[in-house]
Amino acid sequence: MRPYGESGLIKKMLIGVLVLALTLIGYRVLLVGDVNAQVAAELRANPQGDRAQKSMLVTLADGREYPVNFLQKDNTLYVGIDGLWWREFSGDGQLVSLLLKGRSLEGQAKVVLDDRELRNRIFAELRPKWPKWLPAWLNGKLVVIELHSAEVPTSS
C-alpha cells in the first residue's frame, strides 16, 4: 500500500500531464485554423501559383472552408482528409463549393470507407511521401468529389 503522500503526488502529476496535453491540443487547433486561413487567402490571391496547382479550397454547406491537396482524374477529384470533418461526407455525401485554380465549381463529395484498393491506389499518387510502414488508419480518409460543372479545369 502506498503512503498518502505518494498517491497525492501521482494525482498531481497526472493532472499536470492532462493540462499540458489539453494546452497542446488547443494550440494545435488555433495553429491549424490560422494556417488554413493563410492558405485559403493564398489560393484566392494567386490561383495560378504553385500551391494552387496542388491545393484547392473546399467550402461546406455551412460555410466552413478547408484548403486541401487534391488529385484530379477527369471529372473526379480525390482528397485525403486527416481531421474528423470527413464525417460530413458520410452516407450520400454533401454538395460542396470549390475554388480550383481560380475557378468556382460545385461537386458532390462522398467519403469512401469500403474500397481499400481505390484508397491505396489514389493515396499512392496523392500522398507519395507518406511512410509506408505507418498503419493505413493514420493516412486519413479518402473523399471523392464528382464535379457538376460542365467546364472542368484540366490537370497541369
C-alpha atoms as a PDB file:
ATOM      1  CA  MET A   1       0.000   0.000   0.000  1.00  0.00           C
ATOM      2  CA  ARG A   2       1.334   3.439  -0.945  1.00  0.00           C
ATOM      3  CA  PRO A   3       1.688   6.205   1.568  1.00  0.00           C
ATOM      4  CA  TYR A   4      -0.829   9.056   1.160  1.00  0.00           C
ATOM      5  CA  GLY A   5       1.885  11.467   0.004  1.00  0.00           C
ATOM      6  CA  GLU A   6       2.987   9.325  -2.933  1.00  0.00           C
ATOM      7  CA  SER A   7      -0.596   8.855  -4.111  1.00  0.00           C
ATOM      8  CA  GLY A   8      -1.149  12.622  -3.991  1.00  0.00           C
ATOM      9  CA  LEU A   9       1.997  13.218  -5.992  1.00  0.00           C
ATOM     10  CA  ILE A  10       0.865  10.775  -8.687  1.00  0.00           C
ATOM     11  CA  LYS A  11      -2.517  12.516  -8.913  1.00  0.00           C
ATOM     12  CA  LYS A  12      -0.820  15.909  -9.260  1.00  0.00           C
ATOM     13  CA  MET A  13       1.465  14.551 -11.980  1.00  0.00           C
ATOM     14  CA  LEU A  14      -1.491  13.085 -13.888  1.00  0.00           C
ATOM     15  CA  ILE A  15      -3.367  16.376 -13.641  1.00  0.00           C
ATOM     16  CA  GLY A  16      -0.255  18.195 -14.879  1.00  0.00           C
ATOM     17  CA  VAL A  17       0.080  15.855 -17.847  1.00  0.00           C
ATOM     18  CA  LEU A  18      -3.621  16.303 -18.663  1.00  0.00           C
ATOM     19  CA  VAL A  19      -3.341  20.112 -18.515  1.00  0.00           C
ATOM     20  CA  LEU A  20      -0.255  20.017 -20.744  1.00  0.00           C
ATOM     21  CA  ALA A  21      -1.990  17.732 -23.262  1.00  0.00           C
ATOM     22  CA  LEU A  22      -5.083  19.969 -23.399  1.00  0.00           C
ATOM     23  CA  THR A  23      -2.882  23.038 -23.845  1.00  0.00           C
ATOM     24  CA  LEU A  24      -1.034  21.415 -26.753  1.00  0.00           C
ATOM     25  CA  ILE A  25      -4.298  20.327 -28.378  1.00  0.00           C
ATOM     26  CA  GLY A  26      -5.708  23.854 -28.040  1.00  0.00           C
ATOM     27  CA  TYR A  27      -2.551  25.350 -29.533  1.00  0.00           C
ATOM     28  CA  ARG A  28      -2.699  22.936 -32.458  1.00  0.00           C
ATOM     29  CA  VAL A  29      -6.352  23.781 -33.149  1.00  0.00           C
ATOM     30  CA  LEU A  30      -5.535  27.503 -33.200  1.00  0.00           C
ATOM     31  CA  LEU A  31      -2.446  26.968 -35.350  1.00  0.00           C
ATOM     32  CA  VAL A  32      -4.285  24.820 -37.910  1.00  0.00           C
ATOM     33  CA  GLY A  33      -7.059  27.416 -38.174  1.00  0.00           C
ATOM     34  CA  ASP A  34      -4.503  30.169 -38.774  1.00  0.00           C
ATOM     35  CA  VAL A  35      -2.596  28.141 -41.359  1.00  0.00           C
ATOM     36  CA  ASN A  36      -5.856  27.221 -43.138  1.00  0.00           C
ATOM     37  CA  ALA A  37      -6.822  30.920 -43.345  1.00  0.00           C
ATOM     38  CA  GLN A  38      -3.397  31.803 -44.779  1.00  0.00           C
ATOM     39  CA  VAL A  39      -3.551  29.037 -47.382  1.00  0.00           C
ATOM     40  CA  ALA A  40      -7.135  29.995 -48.342  1.00  0.00           C
ATOM     41  CA  ALA A  41      -6.046  33.620 -48.829  1.00  0.00           C
ATOM     42  CA  GLU A  42      -3.122  32.496 -50.993  1.00  0.00           C
ATOM     43  CA  LEU A  43      -5.362  30.281 -53.159  1.00  0.00           C
ATOM     44  CA  ARG A  44      -7.677  33.239 -53.773  1.00  0.00           C
ATOM     45  CA  ALA A  45      -4.888  35.748 -54.399  1.00  0.00           C
ATOM     46  CA  ASN A  46      -2.696  33.558 -56.606  1.00  0.00           C
ATOM     47  CA  PRO A  47      -4.868  30.994 -58.442  1.00  0.00           C
ATOM     48  CA  GLN A  48      -2.074  30.145 -60.887  1.00  0.00           C
ATOM     49  CA  GLY A  49       0.627  29.805 -58.229  1.00  0.00           C
ATOM     50  CA  ASP A  50       2.458  26.656 -57.212  1.00  0.00           C
ATOM     51  CA  ARG A  51       0.203  25.983 -54.202  1.00  0.00           C
ATOM     52  CA  ALA A  52      -2.962  26.335 -56.302  1.00  0.00           C
ATOM     53  CA  GLN A  53      -1.717  23.655 -58.680  1.00  0.00           C
ATOM     54  CA  LYS A  54      -1.990  21.024 -55.967  1.00  0.00           C
ATOM     55  CA  SER A  55      -4.398  22.573 -53.441  1.00  0.00           C
ATOM     56  CA  MET A  56      -7.990  23.752 -53.650  1.00  0.00           C
ATOM     57  CA  LEU A  57     -10.466  25.331 -51.277  1.00  0.00           C
ATOM     58  CA  VAL A  58     -13.485  23.242 -50.257  1.00  0.00           C
ATOM     59  CA  THR A  59     -16.484  25.094 -48.806  1.00  0.00           C
ATOM     60  CA  LEU A  60     -19.124  23.058 -46.990  1.00  0.00           C
ATOM     61  CA  ALA A  61     -22.848  23.876 -46.977  1.00  0.00           C
ATOM     62  CA  ASP A  62     -22.500  25.513 -43.540  1.00  0.00           C
ATOM     63  CA  GLY A  63     -19.772  27.876 -44.825  1.00  0.00           C
ATOM     64  CA  ARG A  64     -16.713  26.210 -43.295  1.00  0.00           C
ATOM     65  CA  GLU A  65     -13.710  26.295 -45.617  1.00  0.00           C
ATOM     66  CA  TYR A  66     -10.827  23.849 -45.826  1.00  0.00           C
ATOM     67  CA  PRO A  67      -7.796  24.050 -48.098  1.00  0.00           C
ATOM     68  CA  VAL A  68      -6.900  20.533 -49.220  1.00  0.00           C
ATOM     69  CA  ASN A  69      -4.490  18.837 -51.586  1.00  0.00           C
ATOM     70  CA  PHE A  70      -6.229  17.088 -54.441  1.00  0.00           C
ATOM     71  CA  LEU A  71      -5.712  14.650 -57.247  1.00  0.00           C
ATOM     72  CA  GLN A  72      -7.778  15.170 -60.398  1.00  0.00           C
ATOM     73  CA  LYS A  73      -8.781  12.477 -62.850  1.00  0.00           C
ATOM     74  CA  ASP A  74     -11.165  13.815 -65.494  1.00  0.00           C
ATOM     75  CA  ASN A  75     -14.383  14.966 -63.767  1.00  0.00           C
ATOM     76  CA  THR A  76     -13.397  13.483 -60.405  1.00  0.00           C
ATOM     77  CA  LEU A  77     -11.331  14.991 -57.595  1.00  0.00           C
ATOM     78  CA  TYR A  78      -9.775  12.929 -54.822  1.00  0.00           C
ATOM     79  CA  VAL A  79      -8.974  14.374 -51.410  1.00  0.00           C
ATOM     80  CA  GLY A  80      -7.378  12.903 -48.292  1.00  0.00           C
ATOM     81  CA  ILE A  81      -8.877  14.243 -45.064  1.00  0.00           C
ATOM     82  CA  ASP A  82      -6.989  13.949 -41.802  1.00  0.00           C
ATOM     83  CA  GLY A  83      -9.468  15.618 -39.451  1.00  0.00           C
ATOM     84  CA  LEU A  84     -12.863  14.449 -38.262  1.00  0.00           C
ATOM     85  CA  TRP A  85     -14.656  16.590 -40.818  1.00  0.00           C
ATOM     86  CA  TRP A  86     -14.640  13.655 -43.272  1.00  0.00           C
ATOM     87  CA  ARG A  87     -17.833  12.602 -41.460  1.00  0.00           C
ATOM     88  CA  GLU A  88     -19.639  15.425 -43.277  1.00  0.00           C
ATOM     89  CA  PHE A  89     -19.404  13.242 -46.382  1.00  0.00           C
ATOM     90  CA  SER A  90     -20.855  10.016 -44.967  1.00  0.00           C
ATOM     91  CA  GLY A  91     -23.926   8.395 -46.475  1.00  0.00           C
ATOM     92  CA  ASP A  92     -24.987  10.251 -49.606  1.00  0.00           C
ATOM     93  CA  GLY A  93     -22.275  12.832 -49.064  1.00  0.00           C
ATOM     94  CA  GLN A  94     -22.663  16.568 -49.385  1.00  0.00           C
ATOM     95  CA  LEU A  95     -22.736  19.228 -52.077  1.00  0.00           C
ATOM     96  CA  VAL A  96     -19.572  21.333 -51.829  1.00  0.00           C
ATOM     97  CA  SER A  97     -18.326  24.508 -53.466  1.00  0.00           C
ATOM     98  CA  LEU A  98     -14.756  24.503 -54.696  1.00  0.00           C
ATOM     99  CA  LEU A  99     -12.178  27.066 -55.645  1.00  0.00           C
ATOM    100  CA  LEU A 100      -9.941  25.153 -58.025  1.00  0.00           C
ATOM    101  CA  LYS A 101      -7.183  27.024 -59.843  1.00  0.00           C
ATOM    102  CA  GLY A 102      -9.198  30.231 -59.649  1.00  0.00           C
ATOM    103  CA  ARG A 103     -12.463  28.685 -60.847  1.00  0.00           C
ATOM    104  CA  SER A 104     -15.601  28.297 -58.767  1.00  0.00           C
ATOM    105  CA  LEU A 105     -17.082  24.829 -59.146  1.00  0.00           C
ATOM    106  CA  GLU A 106     -19.542  22.559 -57.383  1.00  0.00           C
ATOM    107  CA  GLY A 107     -19.492  18.852 -56.775  1.00  0.00           C
ATOM    108  CA  GLN A 108     -20.894  16.022 -54.717  1.00  0.00           C
ATOM    109  CA  ALA A 109     -18.391  14.844 -52.108  1.00  0.00           C
ATOM    110  CA  LYS A 110     -18.616  11.400 -50.552  1.00  0.00           C
ATOM    111  CA  VAL A 111     -16.242   9.545 -48.251  1.00  0.00           C
ATOM    112  CA  VAL A 112     -15.047   6.127 -49.411  1.00  0.00           C
ATOM    113  CA  LEU A 113     -14.658   3.774 -46.474  1.00  0.00           C
ATOM    114  CA  ASP A 114     -15.125   0.355 -48.062  1.00  0.00           C
ATOM    115  CA  ASP A 115     -12.761   0.309 -51.057  1.00  0.00           C
ATOM    116  CA  ARG A 116      -9.249  -0.246 -49.719  1.00  0.00           C
ATOM    117  CA  GLU A 117      -7.796  -0.855 -53.201  1.00  0.00           C
ATOM    118  CA  LEU A 118      -9.066   2.513 -54.516  1.00  0.00           C
ATOM    119  CA  ARG A 119      -7.882   4.284 -51.372  1.00  0.00           C
ATOM    120  CA  ASN A 120      -4.399   2.780 -51.595  1.00  0.00           C
ATOM    121  CA  ARG A 121      -4.090   3.494 -55.335  1.00  0.00           C
ATOM    122  CA  ILE A 122      -5.207   7.128 -55.001  1.00  0.00           C
ATOM    123  CA  PHE A 123      -3.168   7.800 -51.859  1.00  0.00           C
ATOM    124  CA  ALA A 124      -0.067   6.395 -53.598  1.00  0.00           C
ATOM    125  CA  GLU A 125      -0.387   9.333 -56.024  1.00  0.00           C
ATOM    126  CA  LEU A 126      -1.921  11.912 -53.693  1.00  0.00           C
ATOM    127  CA  ARG A 127       0.467  11.289 -50.807  1.00  0.00           C
ATOM    128  CA  PRO A 128       3.516   9.590 -52.312  1.00  0.00           C
ATOM    129  CA  LYS A 129       5.819  10.576 -49.441  1.00  0.00           C
ATOM    130  CA  TRP A 130       3.604   9.075 -46.745  1.00  0.00           C
ATOM    131  CA  PRO A 131       5.644   6.454 -44.855  1.00  0.00           C
ATOM    132  CA  LYS A 132       4.537   3.005 -45.995  1.00  0.00           C
ATOM    133  CA  TRP A 133       5.213   1.484 -42.567  1.00  0.00           C
ATOM    134  CA  LEU A 134       2.528   3.573 -40.838  1.00  0.00           C
ATOM    135  CA  PRO A 135      -0.891   1.956 -40.387  1.00  0.00           C
ATOM    136  CA  ALA A 136      -3.471   2.898 -43.029  1.00  0.00           C
ATOM    137  CA  TRP A 137      -5.881   4.423 -40.493  1.00  0.00           C
ATOM    138  CA  LEU A 138      -3.317   7.179 -39.839  1.00  0.00           C
ATOM    139  CA  ASN A 139      -3.331   8.224 -43.502  1.00  0.00           C
ATOM    140  CA  GLY A 140      -6.755   9.888 -43.390  1.00  0.00           C
ATOM    141  CA  LYS A 141      -9.968   9.159 -45.211  1.00  0.00           C
ATOM    142  CA  LEU A 142     -10.467   9.283 -48.958  1.00  0.00           C
ATOM    143  CA  VAL A 143     -13.145  11.678 -50.184  1.00  0.00           C
ATOM    144  CA  VAL A 144     -14.254  11.550 -53.817  1.00  0.00           C
ATOM    145  CA  ILE A 145     -15.793  14.671 -55.376  1.00  0.00           C
ATOM    146  CA  GLU A 146     -17.729  14.296 -58.612  1.00  0.00           C
ATOM    147  CA  LEU A 147     -17.806  17.699 -60.325  1.00  0.00           C
ATOM    148  CA  HIS A 148     -21.162  19.027 -61.544  1.00  0.00           C
ATOM    149  CA  SER A 149     -19.837  21.813 -63.726  1.00  0.00           C
ATOM    150  CA  ALA A 150     -19.656  21.381 -67.468  1.00  0.00           C
ATOM    151  CA  GLU A 151     -16.376  23.308 -67.559  1.00  0.00           C
ATOM    152  CA  VAL A 152     -13.819  21.201 -65.727  1.00  0.00           C
ATOM    153  CA  PRO A 153     -10.295  22.573 -65.323  1.00  0.00           C
ATOM    154  CA  THR A 154      -7.681  20.184 -66.620  1.00  0.00           C
ATOM    155  CA  SER A 155      -4.700  19.000 -64.640  1.00  0.00           C
ATOM    156  CA  SER A 156      -1.434  20.751 -65.419  1.00  0.00           C
END
